[in-house]
């Protein structure tokens, strides 16, 4: 099997899953697609690269997450330089996503970056805690703490208001 064929097979098997994970991380569907495509482009630019890794999807996820971190840092610097703020309350537009998925991504964006990365890697990428610890360069105990905090925060953010709360919001 040649390199191009291997990349096509890996793309068919994992691209949608990687985009979903990066969307949950970034909150921007188009940006998630761009990062995943860039990761695949980097694999293609180095012939034979995917043949020499144990888990091509994991390698591509790492590349895409590093791209996300770099973009996050550049965006933060840019925002500070020009003192602009994103419009509050704007929802990311992504075709074909359920309202629950969009709500989850919106809630994930409200978590601290380290907690969000940990939750996405463990719950959406389905990686074991030890692997998440390795990828995020922290201890297993830190990952477990972040997961507990992330789940609690998400439960609160995604909680549907009860009847009494609904009446307060409409009053």
C-alpha atoms as a PDB file:
ATOM      1  CA  UNK A   1       0.000   0.000   0.000  1.00  0.00           C
ATOM      2  CA  UNK A   2       1.442   3.384  -0.952  1.00  0.00           C
ATOM      3  CA  UNK A   3       1.479   6.407   1.370  1.00  0.00           C
ATOM      4  CA  UNK A   4      -1.385   8.204  -0.360  1.00  0.00           C
ATOM      5  CA  UNK A   5      -3.599   5.155  -0.128  1.00  0.00           C
ATOM      6  CA  UNK A   6      -2.796   4.735   3.572  1.00  0.00           C
ATOM      7  CA  UNK A   7      -3.641   8.384   4.271  1.00  0.00           C
ATOM      8  CA  UNK A   8      -6.937   7.996   2.369  1.00  0.00           C
ATOM      9  CA  UNK A   9      -7.834   4.960   4.488  1.00  0.00           C
ATOM     10  CA  UNK A  10      -6.956   6.709   7.747  1.00  0.00           C
ATOM     11  CA  UNK A  11      -8.893   9.778   6.598  1.00  0.00           C
ATOM     12  CA  UNK A  12     -11.995   7.720   5.798  1.00  0.00           C
ATOM     13  CA  UNK A  13     -11.801   5.943   9.151  1.00  0.00           C
ATOM     14  CA  UNK A  14     -11.016   8.849  11.467  1.00  0.00           C
ATOM     15  CA  UNK A  15     -11.463  12.327   9.973  1.00  0.00           C
ATOM     16  CA  UNK A  16     -15.079  12.806  11.107  1.00  0.00           C
ATOM     17  CA  UNK A  17     -14.236  11.632  14.626  1.00  0.00           C
ATOM     18  CA  UNK A  18     -11.225  13.987  14.793  1.00  0.00           C
ATOM     19  CA  UNK A  19     -13.279  16.939  13.531  1.00  0.00           C
ATOM     20  CA  UNK A  20     -15.905  16.242  16.192  1.00  0.00           C
ATOM     21  CA  UNK A  21     -13.243  16.175  18.908  1.00  0.00           C
ATOM     22  CA  UNK A  22     -11.581  19.376  17.694  1.00  0.00           C
ATOM     23  CA  UNK A  23     -14.964  21.093  17.343  1.00  0.00           C
ATOM     24  CA  UNK A  24     -15.665  20.270  20.974  1.00  0.00           C
ATOM     25  CA  UNK A  25     -12.274  21.690  21.870  1.00  0.00           C
ATOM     26  CA  UNK A  26     -12.423  24.889  19.804  1.00  0.00           C
ATOM     27  CA  UNK A  27     -16.128  25.646  19.498  1.00  0.00           C
ATOM     28  CA  UNK A  28     -15.625  26.487  15.821  1.00  0.00           C
ATOM     29  CA  UNK A  29     -16.634  23.783  13.328  1.00  0.00           C
ATOM     30  CA  UNK A  30     -14.808  25.303  10.343  1.00  0.00           C
ATOM     31  CA  UNK A  31     -11.655  25.798  12.395  1.00  0.00           C
ATOM     32  CA  UNK A  32     -11.858  22.187  13.588  1.00  0.00           C
ATOM     33  CA  UNK A  33     -12.105  21.008   9.988  1.00  0.00           C
ATOM     34  CA  UNK A  34      -9.140  23.199   9.008  1.00  0.00           C
ATOM     35  CA  UNK A  35      -6.964  21.822  11.804  1.00  0.00           C
ATOM     36  CA  UNK A  36      -7.781  18.211  10.962  1.00  0.00           C
ATOM     37  CA  UNK A  37      -7.123  18.844   7.267  1.00  0.00           C
ATOM     38  CA  UNK A  38      -3.836  20.546   8.163  1.00  0.00           C
ATOM     39  CA  UNK A  39      -2.847  17.500  10.248  1.00  0.00           C
ATOM     40  CA  UNK A  40      -3.523  15.239   7.252  1.00  0.00           C
ATOM     41  CA  UNK A  41      -1.609  17.626   4.977  1.00  0.00           C
ATOM     42  CA  UNK A  42       1.364  17.359   7.325  1.00  0.00           C
ATOM     43  CA  UNK A  43       1.134  13.573   7.148  1.00  0.00           C
ATOM     44  CA  UNK A  44       1.142  13.747   3.340  1.00  0.00           C
ATOM     45  CA  UNK A  45       4.077  16.174   3.286  1.00  0.00           C
ATOM     46  CA  UNK A  46       6.257  13.572   5.020  1.00  0.00           C
ATOM     47  CA  UNK A  47       5.959  10.373   2.968  1.00  0.00           C
ATOM     48  CA  UNK A  48       5.936   7.255   5.098  1.00  0.00           C
ATOM     49  CA  UNK A  49       5.256   9.174   8.319  1.00  0.00           C
ATOM     50  CA  UNK A  50       2.058   7.335   9.209  1.00  0.00           C
ATOM     51  CA  UNK A  51       3.699   3.969   8.507  1.00  0.00           C
ATOM     52  CA  UNK A  52       6.138   4.610  11.356  1.00  0.00           C
ATOM     53  CA  UNK A  53       3.609   5.452  14.081  1.00  0.00           C
ATOM     54  CA  UNK A  54       1.737   2.886  16.149  1.00  0.00           C
ATOM     55  CA  UNK A  55      -1.578   4.732  16.020  1.00  0.00           C
ATOM     56  CA  UNK A  56      -2.042   7.114  13.043  1.00  0.00           C
ATOM     57  CA  UNK A  57      -5.254   8.594  14.467  1.00  0.00           C
ATOM     58  CA  UNK A  58      -3.542   9.414  17.760  1.00  0.00           C
ATOM     59  CA  UNK A  59      -0.648  11.044  15.889  1.00  0.00           C
ATOM     60  CA  UNK A  60      -3.079  13.107  13.795  1.00  0.00           C
ATOM     61  CA  UNK A  61      -5.051  14.097  16.927  1.00  0.00           C
ATOM     62  CA  UNK A  62      -1.843  15.291  18.588  1.00  0.00           C
ATOM     63  CA  UNK A  63      -0.887  17.334  15.526  1.00  0.00           C
ATOM     64  CA  UNK A  64      -4.388  18.852  15.294  1.00  0.00           C
ATOM     65  CA  UNK A  65      -4.493  19.661  19.027  1.00  0.00           C
ATOM     66  CA  UNK A  66      -1.078  21.323  18.803  1.00  0.00           C
ATOM     67  CA  UNK A  67      -2.431  23.402  15.929  1.00  0.00           C
ATOM     68  CA  UNK A  68      -5.440  24.322  18.097  1.00  0.00           C
ATOM     69  CA  UNK A  69      -3.155  25.396  20.943  1.00  0.00           C
ATOM     70  CA  UNK A  70      -1.048  27.502  18.581  1.00  0.00           C
ATOM     71  CA  UNK A  71      -4.118  29.173  17.106  1.00  0.00           C
ATOM     72  CA  UNK A  72      -5.493  29.809  20.594  1.00  0.00           C
ATOM     73  CA  UNK A  73      -2.259  31.512  21.652  1.00  0.00           C
ATOM     74  CA  UNK A  74      -2.050  33.588  18.454  1.00  0.00           C
ATOM     75  CA  UNK A  75      -5.690  34.617  18.794  1.00  0.00           C
ATOM     76  CA  UNK A  76      -5.170  35.640  22.424  1.00  0.00           C
ATOM     77  CA  UNK A  77      -2.182  37.784  21.457  1.00  0.00           C
ATOM     78  CA  UNK A  78      -4.106  39.347  18.583  1.00  0.00           C
ATOM     79  CA  UNK A  79      -7.123  40.086  20.796  1.00  0.00           C
ATOM     80  CA  UNK A  80      -4.910  41.789  23.348  1.00  0.00           C
ATOM     81  CA  UNK A  81      -3.170  43.838  20.670  1.00  0.00           C
ATOM     82  CA  UNK A  82      -6.318  45.155  19.046  1.00  0.00           C
ATOM     83  CA  UNK A  83      -8.507  45.031  22.179  1.00  0.00           C
ATOM     84  CA  UNK A  84     -11.416  43.393  20.396  1.00  0.00           C
ATOM     85  CA  UNK A  85     -13.895  41.025  21.928  1.00  0.00           C
ATOM     86  CA  UNK A  86     -16.020  38.349  20.301  1.00  0.00           C
ATOM     87  CA  UNK A  87     -19.728  39.059  20.281  1.00  0.00           C
ATOM     88  CA  UNK A  88     -21.210  37.577  23.460  1.00  0.00           C
ATOM     89  CA  UNK A  89     -23.863  34.964  22.961  1.00  0.00           C
ATOM     90  CA  UNK A  90     -22.968  34.114  19.380  1.00  0.00           C
ATOM     91  CA  UNK A  91     -23.544  30.454  18.675  1.00  0.00           C
ATOM     92  CA  UNK A  92     -21.193  28.550  16.377  1.00  0.00           C
ATOM     93  CA  UNK A  93     -22.956  27.625  13.175  1.00  0.00           C
ATOM     94  CA  UNK A  94     -22.345  24.067  12.068  1.00  0.00           C
ATOM     95  CA  UNK A  95     -24.544  22.294   9.547  1.00  0.00           C
ATOM     96  CA  UNK A  96     -25.975  18.920  10.513  1.00  0.00           C
ATOM     97  CA  UNK A  97     -25.307  19.124  14.241  1.00  0.00           C
ATOM     98  CA  UNK A  98     -28.028  18.479  16.761  1.00  0.00           C
ATOM     99  CA  UNK A  99     -29.032  21.248  19.171  1.00  0.00           C
ATOM    100  CA  UNK A 100     -27.695  19.063  22.011  1.00  0.00           C
ATOM    101  CA  UNK A 101     -24.277  18.834  20.344  1.00  0.00           C
ATOM    102  CA  UNK A 102     -24.150  22.595  19.817  1.00  0.00           C
ATOM    103  CA  UNK A 103     -25.192  23.149  23.457  1.00  0.00           C
ATOM    104  CA  UNK A 104     -22.448  20.793  24.624  1.00  0.00           C
ATOM    105  CA  UNK A 105     -19.815  22.563  22.531  1.00  0.00           C
ATOM    106  CA  UNK A 106     -21.017  25.941  23.810  1.00  0.00           C
ATOM    107  CA  UNK A 107     -20.806  24.672  27.410  1.00  0.00           C
ATOM    108  CA  UNK A 108     -17.337  23.226  26.790  1.00  0.00           C
ATOM    109  CA  UNK A 109     -16.160  26.642  25.621  1.00  0.00           C
ATOM    110  CA  UNK A 110     -17.009  28.035  29.060  1.00  0.00           C
ATOM    111  CA  UNK A 111     -14.609  25.610  30.777  1.00  0.00           C
ATOM    112  CA  UNK A 112     -10.964  26.504  31.367  1.00  0.00           C
ATOM    113  CA  UNK A 113      -8.780  25.340  28.465  1.00  0.00           C
ATOM    114  CA  UNK A 114      -6.964  22.611  30.432  1.00  0.00           C
ATOM    115  CA  UNK A 115     -10.230  21.171  31.766  1.00  0.00           C
ATOM    116  CA  UNK A 116     -11.841  21.363  28.304  1.00  0.00           C
ATOM    117  CA  UNK A 117      -8.889  19.538  26.681  1.00  0.00           C
ATOM    118  CA  UNK A 118      -9.016  16.840  29.345  1.00  0.00           C
ATOM    119  CA  UNK A 119     -12.777  16.307  28.995  1.00  0.00           C
ATOM    120  CA  UNK A 120     -12.594  16.191  25.184  1.00  0.00           C
ATOM    121  CA  UNK A 121      -9.684  13.747  25.137  1.00  0.00           C
ATOM    122  CA  UNK A 122     -11.220  11.414  27.707  1.00  0.00           C
ATOM    123  CA  UNK A 123     -14.924  11.539  26.876  1.00  0.00           C
ATOM    124  CA  UNK A 124     -14.983  12.372  23.164  1.00  0.00           C
ATOM    125  CA  UNK A 125     -11.696  10.870  21.974  1.00  0.00           C
ATOM    126  CA  UNK A 126     -12.294   7.977  24.399  1.00  0.00           C
ATOM    127  CA  UNK A 127      -8.701   7.950  25.614  1.00  0.00           C
ATOM    128  CA  UNK A 128      -7.774   6.355  28.937  1.00  0.00           C
ATOM    129  CA  UNK A 129      -6.806   8.637  31.808  1.00  0.00           C
ATOM    130  CA  UNK A 130      -3.121   7.665  31.580  1.00  0.00           C
ATOM    131  CA  UNK A 131      -3.004   8.607  27.879  1.00  0.00           C
ATOM    132  CA  UNK A 132      -4.738  11.935  28.575  1.00  0.00           C
ATOM    133  CA  UNK A 133      -2.131  12.604  31.274  1.00  0.00           C
ATOM    134  CA  UNK A 134       0.661  11.918  28.797  1.00  0.00           C
ATOM    135  CA  UNK A 135      -0.856  14.115  26.084  1.00  0.00           C
ATOM    136  CA  UNK A 136      -1.554  17.021  28.432  1.00  0.00           C
ATOM    137  CA  UNK A 137       1.759  16.653  30.246  1.00  0.00           C
ATOM    138  CA  UNK A 138       0.254  16.350  33.717  1.00  0.00           C
ATOM    139  CA  UNK A 139      -0.238  13.663  36.351  1.00  0.00           C
ATOM    140  CA  UNK A 140      -2.988  11.050  36.344  1.00  0.00           C
ATOM    141  CA  UNK A 141      -4.351  12.627  39.542  1.00  0.00           C
ATOM    142  CA  UNK A 142      -4.515  16.033  37.829  1.00  0.00           C
ATOM    143  CA  UNK A 143      -6.453  14.478  34.935  1.00  0.00           C
ATOM    144  CA  UNK A 144      -8.908  12.881  37.355  1.00  0.00           C
ATOM    145  CA  UNK A 145      -9.372  16.200  39.162  1.00  0.00           C
ATOM    146  CA  UNK A 146      -9.955  18.028  35.864  1.00  0.00           C
ATOM    147  CA  UNK A 147     -12.481  15.397  34.798  1.00  0.00           C
ATOM    148  CA  UNK A 148     -14.443  15.744  38.047  1.00  0.00           C
ATOM    149  CA  UNK A 149     -14.428  19.536  37.767  1.00  0.00           C
ATOM    150  CA  UNK A 150     -15.338  19.404  34.093  1.00  0.00           C
ATOM    151  CA  UNK A 151     -18.253  17.019  34.609  1.00  0.00           C
ATOM    152  CA  UNK A 152     -19.596  19.124  37.496  1.00  0.00           C
ATOM    153  CA  UNK A 153     -19.316  22.332  35.507  1.00  0.00           C
ATOM    154  CA  UNK A 154     -20.924  20.765  32.427  1.00  0.00           C
ATOM    155  CA  UNK A 155     -23.761  19.342  34.510  1.00  0.00           C
ATOM    156  CA  UNK A 156     -24.462  22.828  35.832  1.00  0.00           C
ATOM    157  CA  UNK A 157     -24.087  24.521  32.437  1.00  0.00           C
ATOM    158  CA  UNK A 158     -26.274  21.983  30.651  1.00  0.00           C
ATOM    159  CA  UNK A 159     -28.889  21.706  33.386  1.00  0.00           C
ATOM    160  CA  UNK A 160     -32.339  22.490  32.089  1.00  0.00           C
ATOM    161  CA  UNK A 161     -34.186  24.981  34.266  1.00  0.00           C
ATOM    162  CA  UNK A 162     -36.967  23.514  36.383  1.00  0.00           C
ATOM    163  CA  UNK A 163     -40.568  24.851  36.246  1.00  0.00           C
ATOM    164  CA  UNK A 164     -39.949  27.494  38.929  1.00  0.00           C
ATOM    165  CA  UNK A 165     -36.786  28.704  37.181  1.00  0.00           C
ATOM    166  CA  UNK A 166     -38.539  28.791  33.799  1.00  0.00           C
ATOM    167  CA  UNK A 167     -41.247  31.042  35.229  1.00  0.00           C
ATOM    168  CA  UNK A 168     -38.611  33.387  36.667  1.00  0.00           C
ATOM    169  CA  UNK A 169     -36.950  33.718  33.245  1.00  0.00           C
ATOM    170  CA  UNK A 170     -40.269  34.529  31.575  1.00  0.00           C
ATOM    171  CA  UNK A 171     -41.458  36.982  34.218  1.00  0.00           C
END
